[in-house]
C-alpha cells in the first residue's frame, strides 16, 4: 500500500560456515521423483480420503534432506494444513484437516506395506 516505505539496494549475505562445503550442502534443495512409489502412495491415499490430490512444488530447503535423497531414500514432503497459514504470524491448522491427514498417513503406510 501507500503506507509502505520501499527501499532498494544491495544485500550481501554470507554463509556462517562458508569454508566448510559440507555445511553448505546440507541446505541444498531437492526435486522429488515424480515416478517414485512414495509419491504414488501419497497421491493414491490423498485421493481416497479427500476425493482428489493436487501435487505441487514449492521452493525451499530442509537441512540434510538432499543428503538422504542422495543416499537412496525416497524423499517426499507433504502437508495437509492450510497453505495460506504456513509460517504466518498466527499459524494454524484445522482439526478436521489433521484428522484427514492422519487417515491419509495410515493409508500411505498400508499401501507402502503391500509393495
C-alpha atoms as a PDB file:
ATOM      1  CA  UNK A   1       0.000   0.000   0.000  1.00  0.00           C
ATOM      2  CA  UNK A   2       0.908   3.669   0.067  1.00  0.00           C
ATOM      3  CA  UNK A   3       1.960   3.448   3.720  1.00  0.00           C
ATOM      4  CA  UNK A   4       4.950   1.195   2.985  1.00  0.00           C
ATOM      5  CA  UNK A   5       8.402   2.757   2.760  1.00  0.00           C
ATOM      6  CA  UNK A   6      10.041   0.837  -0.099  1.00  0.00           C
ATOM      7  CA  UNK A   7      13.823   0.920  -0.228  1.00  0.00           C
ATOM      8  CA  UNK A   8      16.006  -0.658  -2.867  1.00  0.00           C
ATOM      9  CA  UNK A   9      19.593  -1.619  -2.552  1.00  0.00           C
ATOM     10  CA  UNK A  10      22.070  -4.451  -2.495  1.00  0.00           C
ATOM     11  CA  UNK A  11      22.024  -7.162   0.141  1.00  0.00           C
ATOM     12  CA  UNK A  12      25.159  -9.139   0.801  1.00  0.00           C
ATOM     13  CA  UNK A  13      24.775 -12.498   2.506  1.00  0.00           C
ATOM     14  CA  UNK A  14      27.459 -14.754   3.848  1.00  0.00           C
ATOM     15  CA  UNK A  15      27.022 -18.388   4.871  1.00  0.00           C
ATOM     16  CA  UNK A  16      28.108 -18.761   8.531  1.00  0.00           C
ATOM     17  CA  UNK A  17      30.417 -21.695   7.741  1.00  0.00           C
ATOM     18  CA  UNK A  18      31.218 -20.918   4.082  1.00  0.00           C
ATOM     19  CA  UNK A  19      34.631 -22.563   4.270  1.00  0.00           C
ATOM     20  CA  UNK A  20      33.001 -25.913   5.044  1.00  0.00           C
ATOM     21  CA  UNK A  21      31.397 -27.066   1.770  1.00  0.00           C
ATOM     22  CA  UNK A  22      29.575 -29.938   3.509  1.00  0.00           C
ATOM     23  CA  UNK A  23      27.814 -27.422   5.775  1.00  0.00           C
ATOM     24  CA  UNK A  24      26.558 -25.519   2.733  1.00  0.00           C
ATOM     25  CA  UNK A  25      25.396 -28.735   1.001  1.00  0.00           C
ATOM     26  CA  UNK A  26      23.190 -29.632   3.978  1.00  0.00           C
ATOM     27  CA  UNK A  27      20.787 -26.875   2.884  1.00  0.00           C
ATOM     28  CA  UNK A  28      20.651 -27.956  -0.765  1.00  0.00           C
ATOM     29  CA  UNK A  29      17.168 -28.105  -2.291  1.00  0.00           C
ATOM     30  CA  UNK A  30      15.638 -31.269  -3.753  1.00  0.00           C
ATOM     31  CA  UNK A  31      13.339 -32.329  -6.537  1.00  0.00           C
ATOM     32  CA  UNK A  32      11.028 -35.217  -5.677  1.00  0.00           C
ATOM     33  CA  UNK A  33      10.982 -38.177  -8.071  1.00  0.00           C
ATOM     34  CA  UNK A  34       7.631 -37.963  -9.881  1.00  0.00           C
ATOM     35  CA  UNK A  35       7.839 -41.701 -10.702  1.00  0.00           C
ATOM     36  CA  UNK A  36       8.537 -42.883  -7.153  1.00  0.00           C
ATOM     37  CA  UNK A  37       6.352 -45.362  -5.281  1.00  0.00           C
ATOM     38  CA  UNK A  38       6.289 -42.932  -2.349  1.00  0.00           C
ATOM     39  CA  UNK A  39       4.711 -40.150  -4.358  1.00  0.00           C
ATOM     40  CA  UNK A  40       2.215 -42.552  -5.916  1.00  0.00           C
ATOM     41  CA  UNK A  41       1.223 -43.793  -2.436  1.00  0.00           C
ATOM     42  CA  UNK A  42       0.693 -40.191  -1.267  1.00  0.00           C
ATOM     43  CA  UNK A  43      -1.422 -39.333  -4.322  1.00  0.00           C
ATOM     44  CA  UNK A  44      -3.497 -42.530  -4.058  1.00  0.00           C
ATOM     45  CA  UNK A  45      -4.066 -42.167  -0.305  1.00  0.00           C
ATOM     46  CA  UNK A  46      -4.930 -38.472  -0.582  1.00  0.00           C
ATOM     47  CA  UNK A  47      -7.396 -39.168  -3.388  1.00  0.00           C
ATOM     48  CA  UNK A  48      -9.053 -41.956  -1.369  1.00  0.00           C
ATOM     49  CA  UNK A  49      -9.516 -39.742   1.692  1.00  0.00           C
ATOM     50  CA  UNK A  50     -10.123 -36.290   0.169  1.00  0.00           C
ATOM     51  CA  UNK A  51     -11.552 -37.237  -3.227  1.00  0.00           C
ATOM     52  CA  UNK A  52      -8.681 -35.632  -5.141  1.00  0.00           C
ATOM     53  CA  UNK A  53      -4.974 -34.923  -4.975  1.00  0.00           C
ATOM     54  CA  UNK A  54      -3.243 -31.891  -6.450  1.00  0.00           C
ATOM     55  CA  UNK A  55       0.523 -32.316  -6.078  1.00  0.00           C
ATOM     56  CA  UNK A  56       2.522 -29.120  -6.450  1.00  0.00           C
ATOM     57  CA  UNK A  57       6.038 -27.949  -5.764  1.00  0.00           C
ATOM     58  CA  UNK A  58       7.330 -25.013  -3.795  1.00  0.00           C
ATOM     59  CA  UNK A  59      10.875 -23.835  -3.322  1.00  0.00           C
ATOM     60  CA  UNK A  60      12.858 -24.145  -0.171  1.00  0.00           C
ATOM     61  CA  UNK A  61      15.312 -26.426   1.513  1.00  0.00           C
ATOM     62  CA  UNK A  62      15.450 -28.586   4.591  1.00  0.00           C
ATOM     63  CA  UNK A  63      18.714 -29.489   6.298  1.00  0.00           C
ATOM     64  CA  UNK A  64      20.024 -32.951   5.409  1.00  0.00           C
ATOM     65  CA  UNK A  65      17.039 -33.896   3.195  1.00  0.00           C
ATOM     66  CA  UNK A  66      19.041 -33.758  -0.054  1.00  0.00           C
ATOM     67  CA  UNK A  67      21.753 -35.860   1.572  1.00  0.00           C
ATOM     68  CA  UNK A  68      19.156 -38.505   2.485  1.00  0.00           C
ATOM     69  CA  UNK A  69      17.856 -38.460  -1.100  1.00  0.00           C
ATOM     70  CA  UNK A  70      21.384 -38.950  -2.435  1.00  0.00           C
ATOM     71  CA  UNK A  71      21.745 -41.924  -0.078  1.00  0.00           C
ATOM     72  CA  UNK A  72      18.749 -43.572  -1.779  1.00  0.00           C
ATOM     73  CA  UNK A  73      15.782 -42.592   0.389  1.00  0.00           C
ATOM     74  CA  UNK A  74      12.509 -41.984  -1.470  1.00  0.00           C
ATOM     75  CA  UNK A  75      12.031 -38.437  -0.207  1.00  0.00           C
ATOM     76  CA  UNK A  76       8.565 -36.906  -0.325  1.00  0.00           C
ATOM     77  CA  UNK A  77       7.437 -33.855   1.615  1.00  0.00           C
ATOM     78  CA  UNK A  78       3.757 -33.369   2.275  1.00  0.00           C
ATOM     79  CA  UNK A  79       1.448 -31.331   4.439  1.00  0.00           C
ATOM     80  CA  UNK A  80      -2.287 -31.153   4.976  1.00  0.00           C
ATOM     81  CA  UNK A  81      -2.749 -27.837   6.714  1.00  0.00           C
ATOM     82  CA  UNK A  82      -3.866 -24.550   5.232  1.00  0.00           C
ATOM     83  CA  UNK A  83      -1.070 -23.360   2.939  1.00  0.00           C
ATOM     84  CA  UNK A  84      -2.100 -19.734   3.457  1.00  0.00           C
ATOM     85  CA  UNK A  85      -1.322 -20.181   7.164  1.00  0.00           C
ATOM     86  CA  UNK A  86       2.126 -21.809   6.773  1.00  0.00           C
ATOM     87  CA  UNK A  87       4.738 -19.687   8.532  1.00  0.00           C
ATOM     88  CA  UNK A  88       2.189 -16.955   9.234  1.00  0.00           C
ATOM     89  CA  UNK A  89       2.386 -14.900  12.420  1.00  0.00           C
ATOM     90  CA  UNK A  90      -0.585 -16.851  13.771  1.00  0.00           C
ATOM     91  CA  UNK A  91      -0.023 -20.186  12.034  1.00  0.00           C
ATOM     92  CA  UNK A  92      -2.950 -22.555  12.480  1.00  0.00           C
ATOM     93  CA  UNK A  93      -4.473 -25.794  11.257  1.00  0.00           C
ATOM     94  CA  UNK A  94      -7.996 -27.139  11.408  1.00  0.00           C
ATOM     95  CA  UNK A  95      -8.618 -30.261  13.457  1.00  0.00           C
ATOM     96  CA  UNK A  96     -10.664 -31.664  10.557  1.00  0.00           C
ATOM     97  CA  UNK A  97      -7.630 -31.267   8.258  1.00  0.00           C
ATOM     98  CA  UNK A  98      -5.402 -33.049  10.757  1.00  0.00           C
ATOM     99  CA  UNK A  99      -7.934 -35.889  11.120  1.00  0.00           C
ATOM    100  CA  UNK A 100      -7.896 -36.371   7.346  1.00  0.00           C
ATOM    101  CA  UNK A 101      -4.096 -36.142   7.340  1.00  0.00           C
ATOM    102  CA  UNK A 102      -3.934 -38.946   9.907  1.00  0.00           C
ATOM    103  CA  UNK A 103      -6.235 -41.103   7.742  1.00  0.00           C
ATOM    104  CA  UNK A 104      -4.035 -40.362   4.728  1.00  0.00           C
ATOM    105  CA  UNK A 105      -0.846 -41.275   6.589  1.00  0.00           C
ATOM    106  CA  UNK A 106      -2.385 -44.551   7.760  1.00  0.00           C
ATOM    107  CA  UNK A 107      -3.379 -45.317   4.176  1.00  0.00           C
ATOM    108  CA  UNK A 108       0.127 -44.460   2.893  1.00  0.00           C
ATOM    109  CA  UNK A 109       1.571 -46.967   5.360  1.00  0.00           C
ATOM    110  CA  UNK A 110      -0.920 -49.606   4.232  1.00  0.00           C
ATOM    111  CA  UNK A 111      -0.174 -49.011   0.533  1.00  0.00           C
ATOM    112  CA  UNK A 112       3.576 -48.982   1.104  1.00  0.00           C
ATOM    113  CA  UNK A 113       3.423 -52.136   3.231  1.00  0.00           C
ATOM    114  CA  UNK A 114       1.949 -54.039   0.262  1.00  0.00           C
ATOM    115  CA  UNK A 115       4.809 -53.050  -2.046  1.00  0.00           C
END
